[in-house]
Full PDB file with SEQRES, HELIX, SHEET, SSBOND, CRYST1, ORIGX, SCALE, CONECT and MASTER records, all heavy atoms in Angstrom:
SEQRES   1 A   36  PRO THR ASP GLY SER GLY ASP TYR LEU GLY SER GLY VAL          
SEQRES   2 A   36  PHE ILE HIS LEU ASP PRO SER ALA THR LYS MET VAL GLN          
SEQRES   3 A   36  THR LYS HIS PHE VAL ILE HIS TYR VAL SER                      
HELIX    1 AA1 PRO A   19  ALA A   21  5                                   3    
SHEET    1 AA1 2 LYS A  23  GLN A  26  0                                        
SHEET    2 AA1 2 VAL A  31  TYR A  34 -1                                        
CRYST1    1.000    1.000    1.000  90.00  90.00  90.00 P 1           1          
ORIGX1      1.000000  0.000000  0.000000        0.00000                         
ORIGX2      0.000000  1.000000  0.000000        0.00000                         
ORIGX3      0.000000  0.000000  1.000000        0.00000                         
SCALE1      1.000000  0.000000  0.000000        0.00000                         
SCALE2      0.000000  1.000000  0.000000        0.00000                         
SCALE3      0.000000  0.000000  1.000000        0.00000                         
ATOM      1  N   PRO A   1       4.769  -1.516   0.792  1.00  0.00           N  
ATOM      2  CA  PRO A   1       3.686  -1.059   1.706  1.00  0.00           C  
ATOM      3  C   PRO A   1       2.459  -2.079   1.848  1.00  0.00           C  
ATOM      4  O   PRO A   1       1.863  -2.030   2.878  1.00  0.00           O  
ATOM      5  CB  PRO A   1       3.183   0.186   1.056  1.00  0.00           C  
ATOM      6  CG  PRO A   1       4.413   0.691   0.337  1.00  0.00           C  
ATOM      7  CD  PRO A   1       5.119  -0.499  -0.103  1.00  0.00           C  
ATOM      8  N   THR A   2       2.268  -2.951   0.859  1.00  0.00           N  
ATOM      9  CA  THR A   2       1.173  -3.913   1.028  1.00  0.00           C  
ATOM     10  C   THR A   2       1.603  -5.304   1.511  1.00  0.00           C  
ATOM     11  O   THR A   2       0.779  -6.177   1.506  1.00  0.00           O  
ATOM     12  CB  THR A   2       0.482  -4.081  -0.366  1.00  0.00           C  
ATOM     13  OG1 THR A   2       1.515  -4.330  -1.371  1.00  0.00           O  
ATOM     14  CG2 THR A   2      -0.281  -2.826  -0.766  1.00  0.00           C  
ATOM     15  N   ASP A   3       2.904  -5.438   1.786  1.00  0.00           N  
ATOM     16  CA  ASP A   3       3.398  -6.740   2.084  1.00  0.00           C  
ATOM     17  C   ASP A   3       3.492  -6.977   3.582  1.00  0.00           C  
ATOM     18  O   ASP A   3       3.519  -8.188   4.028  1.00  0.00           O  
ATOM     19  CB  ASP A   3       4.814  -6.916   1.569  1.00  0.00           C  
ATOM     20  CG  ASP A   3       4.731  -7.127   0.071  1.00  0.00           C  
ATOM     21  OD1 ASP A   3       3.698  -7.328  -0.519  1.00  0.00           O  
ATOM     22  OD2 ASP A   3       5.872  -7.209  -0.548  1.00  0.00           O  
ATOM     23  N   GLY A   4       3.603  -6.003   4.473  1.00  0.00           N  
ATOM     24  CA  GLY A   4       3.864  -6.189   5.847  1.00  0.00           C  
ATOM     25  C   GLY A   4       2.460  -6.440   6.557  1.00  0.00           C  
ATOM     26  O   GLY A   4       1.496  -5.932   6.200  1.00  0.00           O  
ATOM     27  N   SER A   5       2.548  -7.298   7.547  1.00  0.00           N  
ATOM     28  CA  SER A   5       1.265  -7.561   8.378  1.00  0.00           C  
ATOM     29  C   SER A   5       1.115  -6.554   9.488  1.00  0.00           C  
ATOM     30  O   SER A   5       0.172  -6.477  10.198  1.00  0.00           O  
ATOM     31  CB  SER A   5       1.347  -8.916   9.020  1.00  0.00           C  
ATOM     32  OG  SER A   5       2.504  -9.082   9.831  1.00  0.00           O  
ATOM     33  N   GLY A   6       2.185  -5.667   9.758  1.00  0.00           N  
ATOM     34  CA  GLY A   6       2.117  -4.628  10.790  1.00  0.00           C  
ATOM     35  C   GLY A   6       3.114  -3.568  10.412  1.00  0.00           C  
ATOM     36  O   GLY A   6       3.970  -3.754   9.547  1.00  0.00           O  
ATOM     37  N   ASP A   7       3.149  -2.524  11.222  1.00  0.00           N  
ATOM     38  CA  ASP A   7       4.097  -1.403  10.939  1.00  0.00           C  
ATOM     39  C   ASP A   7       4.922  -1.228  12.291  1.00  0.00           C  
ATOM     40  O   ASP A   7       4.475  -0.621  13.207  1.00  0.00           O  
ATOM     41  CB  ASP A   7       3.310  -0.133  10.680  1.00  0.00           C  
ATOM     42  CG  ASP A   7       4.261   0.989  10.364  1.00  0.00           C  
ATOM     43  OD1 ASP A   7       5.462   0.797  10.323  1.00  0.00           O  
ATOM     44  OD2 ASP A   7       3.789   2.090  10.338  1.00  0.00           O  
ATOM     45  N   TYR A   8       6.099  -1.842  12.283  1.00  0.00           N  
ATOM     46  CA  TYR A   8       6.993  -1.746  13.475  1.00  0.00           C  
ATOM     47  C   TYR A   8       7.526  -0.228  13.582  1.00  0.00           C  
ATOM     48  O   TYR A   8       8.050   0.073  14.586  1.00  0.00           O  
ATOM     49  CB  TYR A   8       8.134  -2.771  13.333  1.00  0.00           C  
ATOM     50  CG  TYR A   8       7.726  -4.162  13.753  1.00  0.00           C  
ATOM     51  CD1 TYR A   8       7.324  -5.062  12.845  1.00  0.00           C  
ATOM     52  CD2 TYR A   8       7.843  -4.444  15.105  1.00  0.00           C  
ATOM     53  CE1 TYR A   8       6.987  -6.390  13.206  1.00  0.00           C  
ATOM     54  CE2 TYR A   8       7.559  -5.773  15.462  1.00  0.00           C  
ATOM     55  CZ  TYR A   8       7.131  -6.691  14.636  1.00  0.00           C  
ATOM     56  OH  TYR A   8       6.759  -7.960  14.980  1.00  0.00           O  
ATOM     57  N   LEU A   9       7.344   0.483  12.529  1.00  0.00           N  
ATOM     58  CA  LEU A   9       7.936   1.803  12.618  1.00  0.00           C  
ATOM     59  C   LEU A   9       7.076   2.900  13.167  1.00  0.00           C  
ATOM     60  O   LEU A   9       7.408   4.021  13.194  1.00  0.00           O  
ATOM     61  CB  LEU A   9       8.407   2.139  11.157  1.00  0.00           C  
ATOM     62  CG  LEU A   9       9.630   1.381  10.611  1.00  0.00           C  
ATOM     63  CD1 LEU A   9       9.943   1.809   9.208  1.00  0.00           C  
ATOM     64  CD2 LEU A   9      10.840   1.510  11.515  1.00  0.00           C  
ATOM     65  N   GLY A  10       5.832   2.452  13.563  1.00  0.00           N  
ATOM     66  CA  GLY A  10       4.948   3.403  14.190  1.00  0.00           C  
ATOM     67  C   GLY A  10       4.671   4.558  13.296  1.00  0.00           C  
ATOM     68  O   GLY A  10       4.088   4.523  12.271  1.00  0.00           O  
ATOM     69  N   SER A  11       5.190   5.752  13.669  1.00  0.00           N  
ATOM     70  CA  SER A  11       4.860   6.968  12.958  1.00  0.00           C  
ATOM     71  C   SER A  11       5.963   7.288  12.030  1.00  0.00           C  
ATOM     72  O   SER A  11       6.217   8.429  11.593  1.00  0.00           O  
ATOM     73  CB  SER A  11       4.766   8.146  13.900  1.00  0.00           C  
ATOM     74  OG  SER A  11       6.027   8.353  14.637  1.00  0.00           O  
ATOM     75  N   GLY A  12       6.633   6.298  11.478  1.00  0.00           N  
ATOM     76  CA  GLY A  12       7.694   6.508  10.534  1.00  0.00           C  
ATOM     77  C   GLY A  12       7.203   6.817   9.207  1.00  0.00           C  
ATOM     78  O   GLY A  12       5.996   6.775   8.969  1.00  0.00           O  
ATOM     79  N   VAL A  13       8.109   7.062   8.195  1.00  0.00           N  
ATOM     80  CA  VAL A  13       7.676   7.420   6.854  1.00  0.00           C  
ATOM     81  C   VAL A  13       7.213   6.224   6.093  1.00  0.00           C  
ATOM     82  O   VAL A  13       6.591   6.431   5.054  1.00  0.00           O  
ATOM     83  CB  VAL A  13       8.871   8.060   6.095  1.00  0.00           C  
ATOM     84  CG1 VAL A  13       9.363   9.327   6.814  1.00  0.00           C  
ATOM     85  CG2 VAL A  13       9.951   7.120   5.853  1.00  0.00           C  
ATOM     86  N   PHE A  14       7.393   5.010   6.564  1.00  0.00           N  
ATOM     87  CA  PHE A  14       7.060   3.814   5.836  1.00  0.00           C  
ATOM     88  C   PHE A  14       5.631   3.538   6.031  1.00  0.00           C  
ATOM     89  O   PHE A  14       5.176   3.184   7.143  1.00  0.00           O  
ATOM     90  CB  PHE A  14       7.918   2.641   6.180  1.00  0.00           C  
ATOM     91  CG  PHE A  14       9.452   2.949   6.056  1.00  0.00           C  
ATOM     92  CD1 PHE A  14      10.100   3.443   7.230  1.00  0.00           C  
ATOM     93  CD2 PHE A  14      10.063   2.851   4.883  1.00  0.00           C  
ATOM     94  CE1 PHE A  14      11.422   3.710   7.103  1.00  0.00           C  
ATOM     95  CE2 PHE A  14      11.357   3.187   4.810  1.00  0.00           C  
ATOM     96  CZ  PHE A  14      12.110   3.676   5.891  1.00  0.00           C  
ATOM     97  N   ILE A  15       4.805   3.638   4.999  1.00  0.00           N  
ATOM     98  CA  ILE A  15       3.357   3.435   5.131  1.00  0.00           C  
ATOM     99  C   ILE A  15       3.023   2.027   5.084  1.00  0.00           C  
ATOM    100  O   ILE A  15       3.692   1.242   4.374  1.00  0.00           O  
ATOM    101  CB  ILE A  15       2.569   4.316   4.181  1.00  0.00           C  
ATOM    102  CG1 ILE A  15       2.841   3.795   2.740  1.00  0.00           C  
ATOM    103  CG2 ILE A  15       2.882   5.863   4.357  1.00  0.00           C  
ATOM    104  CD1 ILE A  15       1.925   4.482   1.758  1.00  0.00           C  
ATOM    105  N   HIS A  16       1.871   1.603   5.680  1.00  0.00           N  
ATOM    106  CA  HIS A  16       1.325   0.286   5.617  1.00  0.00           C  
ATOM    107  C   HIS A  16      -0.030   0.376   4.987  1.00  0.00           C  
ATOM    108  O   HIS A  16      -0.936   1.018   5.490  1.00  0.00           O  
ATOM    109  CB  HIS A  16       1.293  -0.403   6.961  1.00  0.00           C  
ATOM    110  CG  HIS A  16       0.514  -1.656   6.943  1.00  0.00           C  
ATOM    111  ND1 HIS A  16       0.936  -2.792   6.309  1.00  0.00           N  
ATOM    112  CD2 HIS A  16      -0.633  -2.051   7.497  1.00  0.00           C  
ATOM    113  CE1 HIS A  16       0.037  -3.794   6.393  1.00  0.00           C  
ATOM    114  NE2 HIS A  16      -0.968  -3.375   7.154  1.00  0.00           N  
ATOM    115  N   LEU A  17      -0.224  -0.366   3.821  1.00  0.00           N  
ATOM    116  CA  LEU A  17      -1.602  -0.401   3.219  1.00  0.00           C  
ATOM    117  C   LEU A  17      -2.100  -1.724   3.451  1.00  0.00           C  
ATOM    118  O   LEU A  17      -1.448  -2.774   3.028  1.00  0.00           O  
ATOM    119  CB  LEU A  17      -1.472   0.005   1.729  1.00  0.00           C  
ATOM    120  CG  LEU A  17      -0.863   1.395   1.319  1.00  0.00           C  
ATOM    121  CD1 LEU A  17      -0.913   1.502  -0.171  1.00  0.00           C  
ATOM    122  CD2 LEU A  17      -1.683   2.428   1.986  1.00  0.00           C  
ATOM    123  N   ASP A  18      -3.372  -1.870   3.960  1.00  0.00           N  
ATOM    124  CA  ASP A  18      -4.003  -3.159   4.098  1.00  0.00           C  
ATOM    125  C   ASP A  18      -4.225  -3.833   2.654  1.00  0.00           C  
ATOM    126  O   ASP A  18      -5.017  -3.258   1.888  1.00  0.00           O  
ATOM    127  CB  ASP A  18      -5.334  -2.980   4.888  1.00  0.00           C  
ATOM    128  CG  ASP A  18      -6.052  -4.217   5.131  1.00  0.00           C  
ATOM    129  OD1 ASP A  18      -5.525  -5.318   4.716  1.00  0.00           O  
ATOM    130  OD2 ASP A  18      -7.031  -4.234   5.827  1.00  0.00           O  
ATOM    131  N   PRO A  19      -3.690  -4.938   2.407  1.00  0.00           N  
ATOM    132  CA  PRO A  19      -3.862  -5.625   1.131  1.00  0.00           C  
ATOM    133  C   PRO A  19      -5.308  -5.833   0.778  1.00  0.00           C  
ATOM    134  O   PRO A  19      -5.776  -5.732  -0.346  1.00  0.00           O  
ATOM    135  CB  PRO A  19      -3.053  -6.878   1.258  1.00  0.00           C  
ATOM    136  CG  PRO A  19      -2.054  -6.575   2.265  1.00  0.00           C  
ATOM    137  CD  PRO A  19      -2.698  -5.678   3.232  1.00  0.00           C  
ATOM    138  N   SER A  20      -6.043  -6.128   1.840  1.00  0.00           N  
ATOM    139  CA  SER A  20      -7.534  -6.442   1.550  1.00  0.00           C  
ATOM    140  C   SER A  20      -8.297  -5.269   1.158  1.00  0.00           C  
ATOM    141  O   SER A  20      -9.462  -5.303   0.489  1.00  0.00           O  
ATOM    142  CB  SER A  20      -8.200  -7.117   2.751  1.00  0.00           C  
ATOM    143  OG  SER A  20      -8.172  -6.138   3.839  1.00  0.00           O  
ATOM    144  N   ALA A  21      -7.799  -3.999   1.440  1.00  0.00           N  
ATOM    145  CA  ALA A  21      -8.591  -2.885   1.060  1.00  0.00           C  
ATOM    146  C   ALA A  21      -7.886  -2.039  -0.010  1.00  0.00           C  
ATOM    147  O   ALA A  21      -8.441  -1.044  -0.482  1.00  0.00           O  
ATOM    148  CB  ALA A  21      -8.607  -1.949   2.388  1.00  0.00           C  
ATOM    149  N   THR A  22      -6.781  -2.530  -0.491  1.00  0.00           N  
ATOM    150  CA  THR A  22      -6.017  -1.757  -1.486  1.00  0.00           C  
ATOM    151  C   THR A  22      -6.644  -1.959  -2.856  1.00  0.00           C  
ATOM    152  O   THR A  22      -6.891  -3.070  -3.300  1.00  0.00           O  
ATOM    153  CB  THR A  22      -4.604  -2.238  -1.532  1.00  0.00           C  
ATOM    154  OG1 THR A  22      -4.008  -1.929  -0.264  1.00  0.00           O  
ATOM    155  CG2 THR A  22      -3.781  -1.456  -2.579  1.00  0.00           C  
ATOM    156  N   LYS A  23      -6.754  -0.888  -3.612  1.00  0.00           N  
ATOM    157  CA  LYS A  23      -7.295  -0.994  -5.002  1.00  0.00           C  
ATOM    158  C   LYS A  23      -6.181  -0.610  -5.905  1.00  0.00           C  
ATOM    159  O   LYS A  23      -5.153  -0.109  -5.541  1.00  0.00           O  
ATOM    160  CB  LYS A  23      -8.408   0.089  -5.183  1.00  0.00           C  
ATOM    161  CG  LYS A  23      -9.556  -0.064  -4.156  1.00  0.00           C  
ATOM    162  CD  LYS A  23     -10.599   1.054  -4.313  1.00  0.00           C  
ATOM    163  CE  LYS A  23     -11.719   0.877  -3.350  1.00  0.00           C  
ATOM    164  NZ  LYS A  23     -12.774   1.991  -3.471  1.00  0.00           N  
ATOM    165  N   MET A  24      -6.385  -0.926  -7.219  1.00  0.00           N  
ATOM    166  CA  MET A  24      -5.346  -0.782  -8.171  1.00  0.00           C  
ATOM    167  C   MET A  24      -5.924  -0.155  -9.517  1.00  0.00           C  
ATOM    168  O   MET A  24      -6.985  -0.485  -9.888  1.00  0.00           O  
ATOM    169  CB  MET A  24      -4.644  -2.031  -8.502  1.00  0.00           C  
ATOM    170  CG  MET A  24      -3.805  -2.671  -7.432  1.00  0.00           C  
ATOM    171  SD  MET A  24      -3.268  -4.310  -7.705  1.00  0.00           S  
ATOM    172  CE  MET A  24      -4.879  -5.114  -7.226  1.00  0.00           C  
ATOM    173  N   VAL A  25      -5.090   0.747 -10.121  1.00  0.00           N  
ATOM    174  CA  VAL A  25      -5.366   1.274 -11.439  1.00  0.00           C  
ATOM    175  C   VAL A  25      -4.172   1.009 -12.261  1.00  0.00           C  
ATOM    176  O   VAL A  25      -3.024   1.393 -11.886  1.00  0.00           O  
ATOM    177  CB  VAL A  25      -5.691   2.835 -11.379  1.00  0.00           C  
ATOM    178  CG1 VAL A  25      -5.773   3.368 -12.791  1.00  0.00           C  
ATOM    179  CG2 VAL A  25      -7.011   3.013 -10.670  1.00  0.00           C  
ATOM    180  N   GLN A  26      -4.295   0.434 -13.375  1.00  0.00           N  
ATOM    181  CA  GLN A  26      -3.257   0.029 -14.244  1.00  0.00           C  
ATOM    182  C   GLN A  26      -3.133   0.980 -15.435  1.00  0.00           C  
ATOM    183  O   GLN A  26      -4.160   1.403 -15.991  1.00  0.00           O  
ATOM    184  CB  GLN A  26      -3.405  -1.359 -14.834  1.00  0.00           C  
ATOM    185  CG  GLN A  26      -3.275  -2.474 -13.734  1.00  0.00           C  
ATOM    186  CD  GLN A  26      -3.285  -3.806 -14.333  1.00  0.00           C  
ATOM    187  OE1 GLN A  26      -2.355  -4.133 -15.262  1.00  0.00           O  
ATOM    188  NE2 GLN A  26      -4.193  -4.742 -13.979  1.00  0.00           N  
ATOM    189  N   THR A  27      -1.905   1.315 -15.848  1.00  0.00           N  
ATOM    190  CA  THR A  27      -1.693   2.052 -17.039  1.00  0.00           C  
ATOM    191  C   THR A  27      -0.722   1.266 -17.879  1.00  0.00           C  
ATOM    192  O   THR A  27      -0.435   0.142 -17.544  1.00  0.00           O  
ATOM    193  CB  THR A  27      -1.008   3.441 -16.735  1.00  0.00           C  
ATOM    194  OG1 THR A  27       0.275   3.222 -16.206  1.00  0.00           O  
ATOM    195  CG2 THR A  27      -1.786   4.246 -15.680  1.00  0.00           C  
ATOM    196  N   LYS A  28      -0.219   1.811 -18.932  1.00  0.00           N  
ATOM    197  CA  LYS A  28       0.701   1.074 -19.889  1.00  0.00           C  
ATOM    198  C   LYS A  28       1.821   0.547 -19.088  1.00  0.00           C  
ATOM    199  O   LYS A  28       2.355  -0.597 -19.317  1.00  0.00           O  
ATOM    200  CB  LYS A  28       1.129   1.955 -21.041  1.00  0.00           C  
ATOM    201  CG  LYS A  28       1.942   1.171 -22.042  1.00  0.00           C  
ATOM    202  CD  LYS A  28       2.248   2.145 -23.237  1.00  0.00           C  
ATOM    203  CE  LYS A  28       3.181   1.433 -24.277  1.00  0.00           C  
ATOM    204  NZ  LYS A  28       3.436   2.264 -25.450  1.00  0.00           N  
ATOM    205  N   HIS A  29       2.449   1.330 -18.181  1.00  0.00           N  
ATOM    206  CA  HIS A  29       3.690   1.007 -17.596  1.00  0.00           C  
ATOM    207  C   HIS A  29       3.614   0.905 -16.037  1.00  0.00           C  
ATOM    208  O   HIS A  29       4.592   0.401 -15.434  1.00  0.00           O  
ATOM    209  CB  HIS A  29       4.747   1.993 -17.944  1.00  0.00           C  
ATOM    210  CG  HIS A  29       5.106   2.106 -19.366  1.00  0.00           C  
ATOM    211  ND1 HIS A  29       4.690   3.168 -20.145  1.00  0.00           N  
ATOM    212  CD2 HIS A  29       5.791   1.249 -20.220  1.00  0.00           C  
ATOM    213  CE1 HIS A  29       5.091   3.087 -21.420  1.00  0.00           C  
ATOM    214  NE2 HIS A  29       5.739   1.863 -21.482  1.00  0.00           N  
ATOM    215  N   PHE A  30       2.510   1.252 -15.433  1.00  0.00           N  
ATOM    216  CA  PHE A  30       2.499   1.378 -13.999  1.00  0.00           C  
ATOM    217  C   PHE A  30       1.257   0.719 -13.469  1.00  0.00           C  
ATOM    218  O   PHE A  30       0.260   0.504 -14.135  1.00  0.00           O  
ATOM    219  CB  PHE A  30       2.480   2.804 -13.515  1.00  0.00           C  
ATOM    220  CG  PHE A  30       3.682   3.576 -13.999  1.00  0.00           C  
ATOM    221  CD1 PHE A  30       3.778   4.337 -15.194  1.00  0.00           C  
ATOM    222  CD2 PHE A  30       4.794   3.620 -13.177  1.00  0.00           C  
ATOM    223  CE1 PHE A  30       4.897   5.059 -15.547  1.00  0.00           C  
ATOM    224  CE2 PHE A  30       5.984   4.305 -13.529  1.00  0.00           C  
ATOM    225  CZ  PHE A  30       5.940   4.994 -14.751  1.00  0.00           C  
ATOM    226  N   VAL A  31       1.285   0.396 -12.194  1.00  0.00           N  
ATOM    227  CA  VAL A  31       0.094  -0.039 -11.419  1.00  0.00           C  
ATOM    228  C   VAL A  31       0.166   0.946 -10.116  1.00  0.00           C  
ATOM    229  O   VAL A  31       1.115   0.968  -9.384  1.00  0.00           O  
ATOM    230  CB  VAL A  31       0.215  -1.463 -10.903  1.00  0.00           C  
ATOM    231  CG1 VAL A  31      -1.007  -1.791 -10.065  1.00  0.00           C  
ATOM    232  CG2 VAL A  31       0.328  -2.447 -12.094  1.00  0.00           C  
ATOM    233  N   ILE A  32      -0.940   1.679 -10.000  1.00  0.00           N  
ATOM    234  CA  ILE A  32      -1.054   2.594  -8.858  1.00  0.00           C  
ATOM    235  C   ILE A  32      -1.852   1.898  -7.787  1.00  0.00           C  
ATOM    236  O   ILE A  32      -3.036   1.470  -8.109  1.00  0.00           O  
ATOM    237  CB  ILE A  32      -1.820   3.902  -9.362  1.00  0.00           C  
ATOM    238  CG1 ILE A  32      -1.288   4.465 -10.655  1.00  0.00           C  
ATOM    239  CG2 ILE A  32      -1.783   4.942  -8.215  1.00  0.00           C  
ATOM    240  CD1 ILE A  32       0.184   4.805 -10.620  1.00  0.00           C  
ATOM    241  N   HIS A  33      -1.324   1.780  -6.629  1.00  0.00           N  
ATOM    242  CA  HIS A  33      -1.909   1.103  -5.548  1.00  0.00           C  
ATOM    243  C   HIS A  33      -2.443   2.149  -4.584  1.00  0.00           C  
ATOM    244  O   HIS A  33      -1.650   3.028  -4.159  1.00  0.00           O  
ATOM    245  CB  HIS A  33      -0.956   0.184  -4.771  1.00  0.00           C  
ATOM    246  CG  HIS A  33      -0.335  -0.911  -5.664  1.00  0.00           C  
ATOM    247  ND1 HIS A  33      -0.733  -2.187  -5.621  1.00  0.00           N  
ATOM    248  CD2 HIS A  33       0.644  -0.828  -6.608  1.00  0.00           C  
ATOM    249  CE1 HIS A  33       0.024  -2.931  -6.537  1.00  0.00           C  
ATOM    250  NE2 HIS A  33       0.894  -1.998  -7.097  1.00  0.00           N  
ATOM    251  N   TYR A  34      -3.720   2.073  -4.041  1.00  0.00           N  
ATOM    252  CA  TYR A  34      -4.155   3.117  -3.168  1.00  0.00           C  
ATOM    253  C   TYR A  34      -5.349   2.495  -2.357  1.00  0.00           C  
ATOM    254  O   TYR A  34      -5.890   1.441  -2.684  1.00  0.00           O  
ATOM    255  CB  TYR A  34      -4.670   4.345  -3.966  1.00  0.00           C  
ATOM    256  CG  TYR A  34      -5.997   4.035  -4.754  1.00  0.00           C  
ATOM    257  CD1 TYR A  34      -7.135   4.570  -4.251  1.00  0.00           C  
ATOM    258  CD2 TYR A  34      -5.982   3.300  -5.923  1.00  0.00           C  
ATOM    259  CE1 TYR A  34      -8.398   4.390  -4.976  1.00  0.00           C  
ATOM    260  CE2 TYR A  34      -7.091   3.194  -6.605  1.00  0.00           C  
ATOM    261  CZ  TYR A  34      -8.266   3.661  -6.205  1.00  0.00           C  
ATOM    262  OH  TYR A  34      -9.476   3.419  -6.800  1.00  0.00           O  
ATOM    263  N   VAL A  35      -5.637   3.143  -1.290  1.00  0.00           N  
ATOM    264  CA  VAL A  35      -6.835   2.896  -0.512  1.00  0.00           C  
ATOM    265  C   VAL A  35      -7.794   4.157  -0.539  1.00  0.00           C  
ATOM    266  O   VAL A  35      -7.173   5.314  -0.744  1.00  0.00           O  
ATOM    267  CB  VAL A  35      -6.563   2.543   0.988  1.00  0.00           C  
ATOM    268  CG1 VAL A  35      -5.859   1.199   1.002  1.00  0.00           C  
ATOM    269  CG2 VAL A  35      -5.791   3.664   1.617  1.00  0.00           C  
ATOM    270  N   SER A  36      -9.050   4.028  -0.484  1.00  0.00           N  
ATOM    271  CA  SER A  36      -9.915   5.165  -0.675  1.00  0.00           C  
ATOM    272  C   SER A  36     -10.379   5.778   0.632  1.00  0.00           C  
ATOM    273  O   SER A  36     -11.123   6.755   0.566  1.00  0.00           O  
ATOM    274  CB  SER A  36     -11.228   4.725  -1.466  1.00  0.00           C  
ATOM    275  OG  SER A  36     -11.760   3.645  -0.840  1.00  0.00           O  
TER     276      SER A  36                                                      
MASTER        0    0    0    1    2    0    0    6  275    1    0    3          
END                                                                             
C-alpha cells in the first residue's frame, strides 16, 4: 500500500497510503502502518 505512486484500481480493494503521511507503531513482531 505504501509503495505505489498511484492507484490504478480506482475503487478497488487495494488501498494506497501516501508514504509521506504514513505513521508507524512498532511492536515486538509487527509494524503497524497507518494514516491519521
